[in-house]
Amino acid sequence: MRWRRKELLKALPSPAIMWCIYVPALIIFLPAIHPSSLLRLDAKQVALLAYASISTLIAYGCFAEALDHWEASRVSAVLAITPLLTIFFVSCLAQGCAEARCRPSRSTCSASSARASSSSARG
């Protein structure tokens, strides 16, 4: 029997569908998990891991709910464009941060050039 997502939503609520996705994934990835590596994370890394985990859970929950309220073609279009938009905005943000770091202030430039000229005069 072939089940589509919309048909599956008629039979099961979206949280049950999410459990059907997460439990097999956990079983498949369980042999590759090394919990001891979590103990080596610093506070910033733990916060980022928690954010990514919570964000993923929320995203998949929203996906399941979107299937319940939207047409499957609209949900597919949003899913297809989301990674592209993410890559675009991250690259724009990274480029903006790089430009902000590369733009030296006048005091830094004059102090750097003064140090360079005094060290070349000594050497």
PDB file of N, CA and C in Angstrom:
ATOM      1  N   MET A   1       0.841  -1.179   0.000  1.00  0.00           N
ATOM      2  CA  MET A   1       0.000   0.000   0.000  1.00  0.00           C
ATOM      3  C   MET A   1       0.889   1.246   0.000  1.00  0.00           C
ATOM      4  N   ARG A   2       0.643   2.132  -0.926  1.00  0.00           N
ATOM      5  CA  ARG A   2       1.470   3.331  -1.060  1.00  0.00           C
ATOM      6  C   ARG A   2       0.821   4.478  -0.298  1.00  0.00           C
ATOM      7  N   TRP A   3       1.583   5.030   0.669  1.00  0.00           N
ATOM      8  CA  TRP A   3       1.083   6.142   1.482  1.00  0.00           C
ATOM      9  C   TRP A   3       1.753   7.422   1.019  1.00  0.00           C
ATOM     10  N   ARG A   4       0.995   8.439   0.856  1.00  0.00           N
ATOM     11  CA  ARG A   4       1.557   9.768   0.626  1.00  0.00           C
ATOM     12  C   ARG A   4       1.513  10.516   1.945  1.00  0.00           C
ATOM     13  N   ARG A   5       2.246  11.620   2.007  1.00  0.00           N
ATOM     14  CA  ARG A   5       2.290  12.376   3.266  1.00  0.00           C
ATOM     15  C   ARG A   5       0.917  12.876   3.668  1.00  0.00           C
ATOM     16  N   LYS A   6       0.164  13.388   2.711  1.00  0.00           N
ATOM     17  CA  LYS A   6      -1.173  13.901   3.041  1.00  0.00           C
ATOM     18  C   LYS A   6      -2.058  12.785   3.567  1.00  0.00           C
ATOM     19  N   GLU A   7      -1.956  11.623   2.958  1.00  0.00           N
ATOM     20  CA  GLU A   7      -2.755  10.479   3.413  1.00  0.00           C
ATOM     21  C   GLU A   7      -2.296  10.029   4.791  1.00  0.00           C
ATOM     22  N   LEU A   8      -0.995  10.114   5.035  1.00  0.00           N
ATOM     23  CA  LEU A   8      -0.458   9.739   6.337  1.00  0.00           C
ATOM     24  C   LEU A   8      -0.952  10.696   7.419  1.00  0.00           C
ATOM     25  N   LEU A   9      -1.076  11.974   7.068  1.00  0.00           N
ATOM     26  CA  LEU A   9      -1.585  12.950   8.033  1.00  0.00           C
ATOM     27  C   LEU A   9      -3.045  12.692   8.387  1.00  0.00           C
ATOM     28  N   LYS A  10      -3.787  12.064   7.499  1.00  0.00           N
ATOM     29  CA  LYS A  10      -5.177  11.707   7.810  1.00  0.00           C
ATOM     30  C   LYS A  10      -5.232  10.582   8.823  1.00  0.00           C
ATOM     31  N   ALA A  11      -4.209   9.708   8.797  1.00  0.00           N
ATOM     32  CA  ALA A  11      -4.192   8.559   9.688  1.00  0.00           C
ATOM     33  C   ALA A  11      -3.517   8.847  11.022  1.00  0.00           C
ATOM     34  N   LEU A  12      -2.494   9.720  11.011  1.00  0.00           N
ATOM     35  CA  LEU A  12      -1.718  10.004  12.224  1.00  0.00           C
ATOM     36  C   LEU A  12      -1.572  11.510  12.405  1.00  0.00           C
ATOM     37  N   PRO A  13      -1.520  11.977  13.653  1.00  0.00           N
ATOM     38  CA  PRO A  13      -1.233  13.410  13.870  1.00  0.00           C
ATOM     39  C   PRO A  13       0.241  13.686  13.579  1.00  0.00           C
ATOM     40  N   SER A  14       0.572  14.954  13.334  1.00  0.00           N
ATOM     41  CA  SER A  14       1.945  15.303  12.960  1.00  0.00           C
ATOM     42  C   SER A  14       2.989  14.917  14.013  1.00  0.00           C
ATOM     43  N   PRO A  15       2.732  15.019  15.330  1.00  0.00           N
ATOM     44  CA  PRO A  15       3.767  14.561  16.278  1.00  0.00           C
ATOM     45  C   PRO A  15       4.073  13.068  16.148  1.00  0.00           C
ATOM     46  N   ALA A  16       3.076  12.262  15.839  1.00  0.00           N
ATOM     47  CA  ALA A  16       3.310  10.825  15.666  1.00  0.00           C
ATOM     48  C   ALA A  16       4.158  10.570  14.423  1.00  0.00           C
ATOM     49  N   ILE A  17       3.931  11.354  13.378  1.00  0.00           N
ATOM     50  CA  ILE A  17       4.746  11.217  12.167  1.00  0.00           C
ATOM     51  C   ILE A  17       6.192  11.586  12.465  1.00  0.00           C
ATOM     52  N   MET A  18       6.389  12.621  13.268  1.00  0.00           N
ATOM     53  CA  MET A  18       7.749  13.021  13.623  1.00  0.00           C
ATOM     54  C   MET A  18       8.446  11.909  14.411  1.00  0.00           C
ATOM     55  N   TRP A  19       7.725  11.257  15.317  1.00  0.00           N
ATOM     56  CA  TRP A  19       8.304  10.137  16.052  1.00  0.00           C
ATOM     57  C   TRP A  19       8.679   9.009  15.100  1.00  0.00           C
ATOM     58  N   CYS A  20       7.873   8.802  14.067  1.00  0.00           N
ATOM     59  CA  CYS A  20       8.165   7.762  13.064  1.00  0.00           C
ATOM     60  C   CYS A  20       9.419   8.110  12.266  1.00  0.00           C
ATOM     61  N   ILE A  21       9.780   9.349  12.195  1.00  0.00           N
ATOM     62  CA  ILE A  21      11.002   9.757  11.501  1.00  0.00           C
ATOM     63  C   ILE A  21      12.200   9.725  12.454  1.00  0.00           C
ATOM     64  N   TYR A  22      12.028  10.255  13.669  1.00  0.00           N
ATOM     65  CA  TYR A  22      13.144  10.391  14.596  1.00  0.00           C
ATOM     66  C   TYR A  22      13.628   9.057  15.165  1.00  0.00           C
ATOM     67  N   VAL A  23      12.724   8.153  15.504  1.00  0.00           N
ATOM     68  CA  VAL A  23      13.131   6.888  16.136  1.00  0.00           C
ATOM     69  C   VAL A  23      13.971   6.027  15.182  1.00  0.00           C
ATOM     70  N   PRO A  24      13.528   5.796  13.939  1.00  0.00           N
ATOM     71  CA  PRO A  24      14.416   5.032  13.040  1.00  0.00           C
ATOM     72  C   PRO A  24      15.756   5.740  12.788  1.00  0.00           C
ATOM     73  N   ALA A  25      15.736   7.055  12.689  1.00  0.00           N
ATOM     74  CA  ALA A  25      16.993   7.786  12.487  1.00  0.00           C
ATOM     75  C   ALA A  25      17.919   7.590  13.689  1.00  0.00           C
ATOM     76  N   LEU A  26      17.379   7.630  14.881  1.00  0.00           N
ATOM     77  CA  LEU A  26      18.182   7.404  16.080  1.00  0.00           C
ATOM     78  C   LEU A  26      18.780   6.005  16.071  1.00  0.00           C
ATOM     79  N   ILE A  27      17.974   5.016  15.690  1.00  0.00           N
ATOM     80  CA  ILE A  27      18.464   3.641  15.656  1.00  0.00           C
ATOM     81  C   ILE A  27      19.571   3.485  14.614  1.00  0.00           C
ATOM     82  N   ILE A  28      19.410   4.131  13.472  1.00  0.00           N
ATOM     83  CA  ILE A  28      20.422   4.032  12.414  1.00  0.00           C
ATOM     84  C   ILE A  28      21.724   4.704  12.827  1.00  0.00           C
ATOM     85  N   PHE A  29      21.650   5.872  13.458  1.00  0.00           N
ATOM     86  CA  PHE A  29      22.857   6.628  13.792  1.00  0.00           C
ATOM     87  C   PHE A  29      23.443   6.265  15.154  1.00  0.00           C
ATOM     88  N   LEU A  30      22.765   5.460  15.939  1.00  0.00           N
ATOM     89  CA  LEU A  30      23.235   5.111  17.281  1.00  0.00           C
ATOM     90  C   LEU A  30      24.637   4.510  17.297  1.00  0.00           C
ATOM     91  N   PRO A  31      25.002   3.614  16.375  1.00  0.00           N
ATOM     92  CA  PRO A  31      26.375   3.075  16.415  1.00  0.00           C
ATOM     93  C   PRO A  31      27.464   4.127  16.198  1.00  0.00           C
ATOM     94  N   ALA A  32      27.154   5.223  15.545  1.00  0.00           N
ATOM     95  CA  ALA A  32      28.163   6.246  15.259  1.00  0.00           C
ATOM     96  C   ALA A  32      28.256   7.310  16.344  1.00  0.00           C
ATOM     97  N   ILE A  33      27.406   7.233  17.343  1.00  0.00           N
ATOM     98  CA  ILE A  33      27.364   8.268  18.387  1.00  0.00           C
ATOM     99  C   ILE A  33      28.471   8.013  19.417  1.00  0.00           C
ATOM    100  N   HIS A  34      29.190   9.077  19.765  1.00  0.00           N
ATOM    101  CA  HIS A  34      30.224   9.021  20.807  1.00  0.00           C
ATOM    102  C   HIS A  34      29.872  10.073  21.862  1.00  0.00           C
ATOM    103  N   PRO A  35      29.085   9.705  22.880  1.00  0.00           N
ATOM    104  CA  PRO A  35      28.660  10.692  23.880  1.00  0.00           C
ATOM    105  C   PRO A  35      29.811  11.354  24.632  1.00  0.00           C
ATOM    106  N   SER A  36      30.960  10.714  24.708  1.00  0.00           N
ATOM    107  CA  SER A  36      32.090  11.306  25.431  1.00  0.00           C
ATOM    108  C   SER A  36      32.565  12.594  24.764  1.00  0.00           C
ATOM    109  N   SER A  37      32.323  12.739  23.461  1.00  0.00           N
ATOM    110  CA  SER A  37      32.745  13.965  22.787  1.00  0.00           C
ATOM    111  C   SER A  37      31.913  15.162  23.233  1.00  0.00           C
ATOM    112  N   LEU A  38      30.718  14.925  23.734  1.00  0.00           N
ATOM    113  CA  LEU A  38      29.894  16.028  24.246  1.00  0.00           C
ATOM    114  C   LEU A  38      30.494  16.642  25.508  1.00  0.00           C
ATOM    115  N   LEU A  39      31.229  15.836  26.263  1.00  0.00           N
ATOM    116  CA  LEU A  39      31.825  16.336  27.506  1.00  0.00           C
ATOM    117  C   LEU A  39      32.976  17.294  27.243  1.00  0.00           C
ATOM    118  N   ARG A  40      33.539  17.256  26.039  1.00  0.00           N
ATOM    119  CA  ARG A  40      34.658  18.141  25.705  1.00  0.00           C
ATOM    120  C   ARG A  40      34.205  19.490  25.141  1.00  0.00           C
ATOM    121  N   LEU A  41      32.910  19.696  24.985  1.00  0.00           N
ATOM    122  CA  LEU A  41      32.415  20.959  24.442  1.00  0.00           C
ATOM    123  C   LEU A  41      32.468  22.058  25.495  1.00  0.00           C
ATOM    124  N   ASP A  42      32.816  23.276  25.063  1.00  0.00           N
ATOM    125  CA  ASP A  42      32.765  24.406  25.986  1.00  0.00           C
ATOM    126  C   ASP A  42      31.338  24.965  25.997  1.00  0.00           C
ATOM    127  N   ALA A  43      31.113  25.993  26.782  1.00  0.00           N
ATOM    128  CA  ALA A  43      29.757  26.524  26.955  1.00  0.00           C
ATOM    129  C   ALA A  43      29.177  27.066  25.648  1.00  0.00           C
ATOM    130  N   LYS A  44      30.012  27.728  24.857  1.00  0.00           N
ATOM    131  CA  LYS A  44      29.535  28.287  23.588  1.00  0.00           C
ATOM    132  C   LYS A  44      29.114  27.167  22.636  1.00  0.00           C
ATOM    133  N   GLN A  45      29.894  26.110  22.579  1.00  0.00           N
ATOM    134  CA  GLN A  45      29.579  24.993  21.693  1.00  0.00           C
ATOM    135  C   GLN A  45      28.318  24.263  22.150  1.00  0.00           C
ATOM    136  N   VAL A  46      28.124  24.132  23.455  1.00  0.00           N
ATOM    137  CA  VAL A  46      26.909  23.507  23.977  1.00  0.00           C
ATOM    138  C   VAL A  46      25.693  24.354  23.618  1.00  0.00           C
ATOM    139  N   ALA A  47      25.828  25.666  23.739  1.00  0.00           N
ATOM    140  CA  ALA A  47      24.718  26.555  23.395  1.00  0.00           C
ATOM    141  C   ALA A  47      24.382  26.456  21.902  1.00  0.00           C
ATOM    142  N   LEU A  48      25.403  26.411  21.051  1.00  0.00           N
ATOM    143  CA  LEU A  48      25.169  26.274  19.614  1.00  0.00           C
ATOM    144  C   LEU A  48      24.545  24.927  19.272  1.00  0.00           C
ATOM    145  N   LEU A  49      24.984  23.867  19.922  1.00  0.00           N
ATOM    146  CA  LEU A  49      24.405  22.543  19.696  1.00  0.00           C
ATOM    147  C   LEU A  49      22.943  22.513  20.146  1.00  0.00           C
ATOM    148  N   ALA A  50      22.656  23.109  21.288  1.00  0.00           N
ATOM    149  CA  ALA A  50      21.271  23.159  21.774  1.00  0.00           C
ATOM    150  C   ALA A  50      20.399  23.964  20.825  1.00  0.00           C
ATOM    151  N   TYR A  51      20.913  25.087  20.354  1.00  0.00           N
ATOM    152  CA  TYR A  51      20.149  25.911  19.408  1.00  0.00           C
ATOM    153  C   TYR A  51      19.863  25.139  18.123  1.00  0.00           C
ATOM    154  N   ALA A  52      20.875  24.472  17.581  1.00  0.00           N
ATOM    155  CA  ALA A  52      20.685  23.718  16.341  1.00  0.00           C
ATOM    156  C   ALA A  52      19.689  22.580  16.534  1.00  0.00           C
ATOM    157  N   SER A  53      19.753  21.918  17.669  1.00  0.00           N
ATOM    158  CA  SER A  53      18.826  20.812  17.943  1.00  0.00           C
ATOM    159  C   SER A  53      17.397  21.304  18.074  1.00  0.00           C
ATOM    160  N   ILE A  54      17.206  22.354  18.847  1.00  0.00           N
ATOM    161  CA  ILE A  54      15.855  22.902  19.040  1.00  0.00           C
ATOM    162  C   ILE A  54      15.323  23.461  17.730  1.00  0.00           C
ATOM    163  N   SER A  55      16.176  24.131  16.982  1.00  0.00           N
ATOM    164  CA  SER A  55      15.767  24.682  15.693  1.00  0.00           C
ATOM    165  C   SER A  55      15.317  23.585  14.732  1.00  0.00           C
ATOM    166  N   THR A  56      16.040  22.479  14.719  1.00  0.00           N
ATOM    167  CA  THR A  56      15.673  21.358  13.849  1.00  0.00           C
ATOM    168  C   THR A  56      14.335  20.762  14.253  1.00  0.00           C
ATOM    169  N   LEU A  57      14.129  20.575  15.551  1.00  0.00           N
ATOM    170  CA  LEU A  57      12.858  20.024  16.022  1.00  0.00           C
ATOM    171  C   LEU A  57      11.698  20.939  15.654  1.00  0.00           C
ATOM    172  N   ILE A  58      11.885  22.226  15.835  1.00  0.00           N
ATOM    173  CA  ILE A  58      10.832  23.187  15.492  1.00  0.00           C
ATOM    174  C   ILE A  58      10.585  23.184  13.984  1.00  0.00           C
ATOM    175  N   ALA A  59      11.650  23.138  13.194  1.00  0.00           N
ATOM    176  CA  ALA A  59      11.507  23.162  11.740  1.00  0.00           C
ATOM    177  C   ALA A  59      10.736  21.943  11.231  1.00  0.00           C
ATOM    178  N   TYR A  60      11.068  20.768  11.738  1.00  0.00           N
ATOM    179  CA  TYR A  60      10.355  19.582  11.282  1.00  0.00           C
ATOM    180  C   TYR A  60       8.920  19.556  11.789  1.00  0.00           C
ATOM    181  N   GLY A  61       8.680  20.088  12.964  1.00  0.00           N
ATOM    182  CA  GLY A  61       7.307  20.206  13.453  1.00  0.00           C
ATOM    183  C   GLY A  61       6.492  21.148  12.577  1.00  0.00           C
ATOM    184  N   CYS A  62       7.110  22.263  12.195  1.00  0.00           N
ATOM    185  CA  CYS A  62       6.439  23.211  11.289  1.00  0.00           C
ATOM    186  C   CYS A  62       6.196  22.586   9.924  1.00  0.00           C
ATOM    187  N   PHE A  63       7.139  21.769   9.468  1.00  0.00           N
ATOM    188  CA  PHE A  63       6.976  21.082   8.188  1.00  0.00           C
ATOM    189  C   PHE A  63       5.759  20.157   8.232  1.00  0.00           C
ATOM    190  N   ALA A  64       5.643  19.406   9.306  1.00  0.00           N
ATOM    191  CA  ALA A  64       4.509  18.488   9.426  1.00  0.00           C
ATOM    192  C   ALA A  64       3.190  19.253   9.493  1.00  0.00           C
ATOM    193  N   GLU A  65       3.184  20.351  10.215  1.00  0.00           N
ATOM    194  CA  GLU A  65       1.965  21.155  10.300  1.00  0.00           C
ATOM    195  C   GLU A  65       1.646  21.834   8.969  1.00  0.00           C
ATOM    196  N   ALA A  66       2.691  22.250   8.257  1.00  0.00           N
ATOM    197  CA  ALA A  66       2.475  22.887   6.952  1.00  0.00           C
ATOM    198  C   ALA A  66       1.828  21.911   5.980  1.00  0.00           C
ATOM    199  N   LEU A  67       2.243  20.665   6.042  1.00  0.00           N
ATOM    200  CA  LEU A  67       1.616  19.663   5.180  1.00  0.00           C
ATOM    201  C   LEU A  67       0.134  19.515   5.479  1.00  0.00           C
ATOM    202  N   ASP A  68      -0.218  19.722   6.728  1.00  0.00           N
ATOM    203  CA  ASP A  68      -1.619  19.602   7.124  1.00  0.00           C
ATOM    204  C   ASP A  68      -2.454  20.776   6.613  1.00  0.00           C
ATOM    205  N   HIS A  69      -1.829  21.948   6.455  1.00  0.00           N
ATOM    206  CA  HIS A  69      -2.589  23.158   6.108  1.00  0.00           C
ATOM    207  C   HIS A  69      -2.387  23.630   4.667  1.00  0.00           C
ATOM    208  N   TRP A  70      -1.259  23.343   4.064  1.00  0.00           N
ATOM    209  CA  TRP A  70      -0.960  23.789   2.705  1.00  0.00           C
ATOM    210  C   TRP A  70      -1.050  22.628   1.730  1.00  0.00           C
ATOM    211  N   GLU A  71      -1.025  22.961   0.452  1.00  0.00           N
ATOM    212  CA  GLU A  71      -0.895  21.938  -0.572  1.00  0.00           C
ATOM    213  C   GLU A  71       0.542  21.428  -0.549  1.00  0.00           C
ATOM    214  N   ALA A  72       0.713  20.168  -0.893  1.00  0.00           N
ATOM    215  CA  ALA A  72       2.052  19.568  -0.850  1.00  0.00           C
ATOM    216  C   ALA A  72       3.012  20.287  -1.800  1.00  0.00           C
ATOM    217  N   SER A  73       2.511  20.808  -2.915  1.00  0.00           N
ATOM    218  CA  SER A  73       3.400  21.503  -3.864  1.00  0.00           C
ATOM    219  C   SER A  73       3.961  22.786  -3.262  1.00  0.00           C
ATOM    220  N   ARG A  74       3.167  23.494  -2.475  1.00  0.00           N
ATOM    221  CA  ARG A  74       3.673  24.718  -1.824  1.00  0.00           C
ATOM    222  C   ARG A  74       4.734  24.379  -0.787  1.00  0.00           C
ATOM    223  N   VAL A  75       4.477  23.346  -0.013  1.00  0.00           N
ATOM    224  CA  VAL A  75       5.452  22.937   0.997  1.00  0.00           C
ATOM    225  C   VAL A  75       6.755  22.525   0.320  1.00  0.00           C
ATOM    226  N   SER A  76       6.656  21.800  -0.780  1.00  0.00           N
ATOM    227  CA  SER A  76       7.854  21.378  -1.515  1.00  0.00           C
ATOM    228  C   SER A  76       8.623  22.575  -2.061  1.00  0.00           C
ATOM    229  N   ALA A  77       7.908  23.584  -2.538  1.00  0.00           N
ATOM    230  CA  ALA A  77       8.579  24.781  -3.063  1.00  0.00           C
ATOM    231  C   ALA A  77       9.327  25.515  -1.958  1.00  0.00           C
ATOM    232  N   VAL A  78       8.717  25.626  -0.794  1.00  0.00           N
ATOM    233  CA  VAL A  78       9.371  26.291   0.333  1.00  0.00           C
ATOM    234  C   VAL A  78      10.598  25.490   0.770  1.00  0.00           C
ATOM    235  N   LEU A  79      10.468  24.174   0.810  1.00  0.00           N
ATOM    236  CA  LEU A  79      11.600  23.336   1.205  1.00  0.00           C
ATOM    237  C   LEU A  79      12.740  23.424   0.204  1.00  0.00           C
ATOM    238  N   ALA A  80      12.413  23.560  -1.060  1.00  0.00           N
ATOM    239  CA  ALA A  80      13.450  23.628  -2.082  1.00  0.00           C
ATOM    240  C   ALA A  80      14.214  24.935  -2.034  1.00  0.00           C
ATOM    241  N   ILE A  81      13.548  26.018  -1.717  1.00  0.00           N
ATOM    242  CA  ILE A  81      14.202  27.334  -1.752  1.00  0.00           C
ATOM    243  C   ILE A  81      14.883  27.694  -0.430  1.00  0.00           C
ATOM    244  N   THR A  82      14.507  27.075   0.657  1.00  0.00           N
ATOM    245  CA  THR A  82      15.066  27.422   1.965  1.00  0.00           C
ATOM    246  C   THR A  82      16.587  27.257   2.029  1.00  0.00           C
ATOM    247  N   PRO A  83      17.170  26.136   1.600  1.00  0.00           N
ATOM    248  CA  PRO A  83      18.639  26.038   1.656  1.00  0.00           C
ATOM    249  C   PRO A  83      19.335  27.072   0.782  1.00  0.00           C
ATOM    250  N   LEU A  84      18.747  27.380  -0.363  1.00  0.00           N
ATOM    251  CA  LEU A  84      19.351  28.390  -1.240  1.00  0.00           C
ATOM    252  C   LEU A  84      19.367  29.759  -0.574  1.00  0.00           C
ATOM    253  N   LEU A  85      18.265  30.115   0.063  1.00  0.00           N
ATOM    254  CA  LEU A  85      18.214  31.399   0.773  1.00  0.00           C
ATOM    255  C   LEU A  85      19.181  31.408   1.950  1.00  0.00           C
ATOM    256  N   THR A  86      19.300  30.287   2.637  1.00  0.00           N
ATOM    257  CA  THR A  86      20.230  30.197   3.763  1.00  0.00           C
ATOM    258  C   THR A  86      21.664  30.423   3.296  1.00  0.00           C
ATOM    259  N   ILE A  87      22.050  29.750   2.226  1.00  0.00           N
ATOM    260  CA  ILE A  87      23.406  29.921   1.696  1.00  0.00           C
ATOM    261  C   ILE A  87      23.641  31.364   1.262  1.00  0.00           C
ATOM    262  N   PHE A  88      22.648  31.958   0.600  1.00  0.00           N
ATOM    263  CA  PHE A  88      22.780  33.340   0.135  1.00  0.00           C
ATOM    264  C   PHE A  88      22.972  34.301   1.309  1.00  0.00           C
ATOM    265  N   PHE A  89      22.112  34.206   2.336  1.00  0.00           N
ATOM    266  CA  PHE A  89      22.198  35.140   3.447  1.00  0.00           C
ATOM    267  C   PHE A  89      23.440  34.913   4.300  1.00  0.00           C
ATOM    268  N   VAL A  90      23.872  33.670   4.458  1.00  0.00           N
ATOM    269  CA  VAL A  90      25.095  33.409   5.218  1.00  0.00           C
ATOM    270  C   VAL A  90      26.306  33.961   4.483  1.00  0.00           C
ATOM    271  N   SER A  91      26.334  33.804   3.157  1.00  0.00           N
ATOM    272  CA  SER A  91      27.477  34.355   2.417  1.00  0.00           C
ATOM    273  C   SER A  91      27.484  35.878   2.464  1.00  0.00           C
ATOM    274  N   CYS A  92      26.305  36.499   2.387  1.00  0.00           N
ATOM    275  CA  CYS A  92      26.241  37.963   2.513  1.00  0.00           C
ATOM    276  C   CYS A  92      26.700  38.413   3.892  1.00  0.00           C
ATOM    277  N   LEU A  93      26.268  37.702   4.916  1.00  0.00           N
ATOM    278  CA  LEU A  93      26.660  38.041   6.282  1.00  0.00           C
ATOM    279  C   LEU A  93      28.158  37.841   6.481  1.00  0.00           C
ATOM    280  N   ALA A  94      28.688  36.745   5.966  1.00  0.00           N
ATOM    281  CA  ALA A  94      30.124  36.481   6.099  1.00  0.00           C
ATOM    282  C   ALA A  94      30.945  37.535   5.373  1.00  0.00           C
ATOM    283  N   GLN A  95      30.495  37.934   4.201  1.00  0.00           N
ATOM    284  CA  GLN A  95      31.216  38.954   3.446  1.00  0.00           C
ATOM    285  C   GLN A  95      31.148  40.298   4.171  1.00  0.00           C
ATOM    286  N   GLY A  96      29.993  40.613   4.742  1.00  0.00           N
ATOM    287  CA  GLY A  96      29.849  41.861   5.494  1.00  0.00           C
ATOM    288  C   GLY A  96      30.734  41.878   6.725  1.00  0.00           C
ATOM    289  N   CYS A  97      30.819  40.740   7.417  1.00  0.00           N
ATOM    290  CA  CYS A  97      31.688  40.665   8.595  1.00  0.00           C
ATOM    291  C   CYS A  97      33.153  40.750   8.196  1.00  0.00           C
ATOM    292  N   ALA A  98      33.512  40.130   7.092  1.00  0.00           N
ATOM    293  CA  ALA A  98      34.903  40.176   6.637  1.00  0.00           C
ATOM    294  C   ALA A  98      35.297  41.594   6.247  1.00  0.00           C
ATOM    295  N   GLU A  99      34.401  42.307   5.574  1.00  0.00           N
ATOM    296  CA  GLU A  99      34.685  43.690   5.195  1.00  0.00           C
ATOM    297  C   GLU A  99      34.801  44.579   6.425  1.00  0.00           C
ATOM    298  N   ALA A 100      33.975  44.337   7.422  1.00  0.00           N
ATOM    299  CA  ALA A 100      34.031  45.136   8.642  1.00  0.00           C
ATOM    300  C   ALA A 100      35.348  44.903   9.381  1.00  0.00           C
ATOM    301  N   ARG A 101      35.858  43.681   9.365  1.00  0.00           N
ATOM    302  CA  ARG A 101      37.129  43.379  10.026  1.00  0.00           C
ATOM    303  C   ARG A 101      38.310  43.927   9.252  1.00  0.00           C
ATOM    304  N   CYS A 102      38.215  43.938   7.942  1.00  0.00           N
ATOM    305  CA  CYS A 102      39.337  44.376   7.103  1.00  0.00           C
ATOM    306  C   CYS A 102      39.460  45.890   7.042  1.00  0.00           C
ATOM    307  N   ARG A 103      38.411  46.596   7.398  1.00  0.00           N
ATOM    308  CA  ARG A 103      38.446  48.051   7.357  1.00  0.00           C
ATOM    309  C   ARG A 103      39.151  48.570   8.615  1.00  0.00           C
ATOM    310  N   PRO A 104      40.432  48.899   8.532  1.00  0.00           N
ATOM    311  CA  PRO A 104      41.148  49.349   9.727  1.00  0.00           C
ATOM    312  C   PRO A 104      40.769  50.794  10.069  1.00  0.00           C
ATOM    313  N   SER A 105      40.787  51.055  11.344  1.00  0.00           N
ATOM    314  CA  SER A 105      40.527  52.429  11.771  1.00  0.00           C
ATOM    315  C   SER A 105      41.820  53.229  11.624  1.00  0.00           C
ATOM    316  N   ARG A 106      41.716  54.556  11.670  1.00  0.00           N
ATOM    317  CA  ARG A 106      42.902  55.405  11.493  1.00  0.00           C
ATOM    318  C   ARG A 106      43.912  55.202  12.612  1.00  0.00           C
ATOM    319  N   SER A 107      43.440  55.038  13.827  1.00  0.00           N
ATOM    320  CA  SER A 107      44.374  54.883  14.948  1.00  0.00           C
ATOM    321  C   SER A 107      45.153  53.580  14.812  1.00  0.00           C
ATOM    322  N   THR A 108      44.499  52.517  14.334  1.00  0.00           N
ATOM    323  CA  THR A 108      45.195  51.248  14.150  1.00  0.00           C
ATOM    324  C   THR A 108      46.234  51.367  13.048  1.00  0.00           C
ATOM    325  N   CYS A 109      45.856  52.029  11.958  1.00  0.00           N
ATOM    326  CA  CYS A 109      46.800  52.178  10.836  1.00  0.00           C
ATOM    327  C   CYS A 109      48.013  53.007  11.243  1.00  0.00           C
ATOM    328  N   SER A 110      47.778  54.119  11.926  1.00  0.00           N
ATOM    329  CA  SER A 110      48.901  54.975  12.285  1.00  0.00           C
ATOM    330  C   SER A 110      49.784  54.301  13.329  1.00  0.00           C
ATOM    331  N   ALA A 111      49.183  53.551  14.242  1.00  0.00           N
ATOM    332  CA  ALA A 111      49.988  52.847  15.240  1.00  0.00           C
ATOM    333  C   ALA A 111      50.794  51.733  14.586  1.00  0.00           C
ATOM    334  N   SER A 112      50.188  51.035  13.629  1.00  0.00           N
ATOM    335  CA  SER A 112      50.894  49.950  12.929  1.00  0.00           C
ATOM    336  C   SER A 112      52.043  50.504  12.110  1.00  0.00           C
ATOM    337  N   SER A 113      51.808  51.588  11.401  1.00  0.00           N
ATOM    338  CA  SER A 113      52.874  52.152  10.570  1.00  0.00           C
ATOM    339  C   SER A 113      53.983  52.728  11.444  1.00  0.00           C
ATOM    340  N   ALA A 114      53.652  53.295  12.600  1.00  0.00           N
ATOM    341  CA  ALA A 114      54.671  53.826  13.501  1.00  0.00           C
ATOM    342  C   ALA A 114      55.547  52.705  14.036  1.00  0.00           C
ATOM    343  N   ARG A 115      54.905  51.558  14.403  1.00  0.00           N
ATOM    344  CA  ARG A 115      55.677  50.410  14.889  1.00  0.00           C
ATOM    345  C   ARG A 115      56.564  49.860  13.773  1.00  0.00           C
ATOM    346  N   ALA A 116      56.030  49.781  12.571  1.00  0.00           N
ATOM    347  CA  ALA A 116      56.802  49.236  11.439  1.00  0.00           C
ATOM    348  C   ALA A 116      58.014  50.120  11.140  1.00  0.00           C
ATOM    349  N   SER A 117      57.825  51.423  11.162  1.00  0.00           N
ATOM    350  CA  SER A 117      58.937  52.314  10.838  1.00  0.00           C
ATOM    351  C   SER A 117      59.972  52.320  11.957  1.00  0.00           C
ATOM    352  N   SER A 118      59.562  52.205  13.215  1.00  0.00           N
ATOM    353  CA  SER A 118      60.532  52.199  14.315  1.00  0.00           C
ATOM    354  C   SER A 118      61.299  50.869  14.328  1.00  0.00           C
ATOM    355  N   SER A 119      60.652  49.770  13.978  1.00  0.00           N
ATOM    356  CA  SER A 119      61.368  48.487  13.969  1.00  0.00           C
ATOM    357  C   SER A 119      62.319  48.418  12.775  1.00  0.00           C
ATOM    358  N   SER A 120      61.947  49.043  11.622  1.00  0.00           N
ATOM    359  CA  SER A 120      62.865  49.033  10.481  1.00  0.00           C
ATOM    360  C   SER A 120      64.052  49.968  10.720  1.00  0.00           C
ATOM    361  N   ALA A 121      63.845  51.007  11.515  1.00  0.00           N
ATOM    362  CA  ALA A 121      64.941  51.932  11.815  1.00  0.00           C
ATOM    363  C   ALA A 121      65.937  51.252  12.740  1.00  0.00           C
ATOM    364  N   ARG A 122      65.444  50.355  13.626  1.00  0.00           N
ATOM    365  CA  ARG A 122      66.340  49.657  14.550  1.00  0.00           C
ATOM    366  C   ARG A 122      67.147  48.594  13.841  1.00  0.00           C
ATOM    367  N   GLY A 123      66.487  47.927  12.869  1.00  0.00           N
ATOM    368  CA  GLY A 123      67.098  46.753  12.242  1.00  0.00           C
ATOM    369  C   GLY A 123      68.004  47.090  11.169  1.00  0.00           C
TER     370      GLY A 123
END
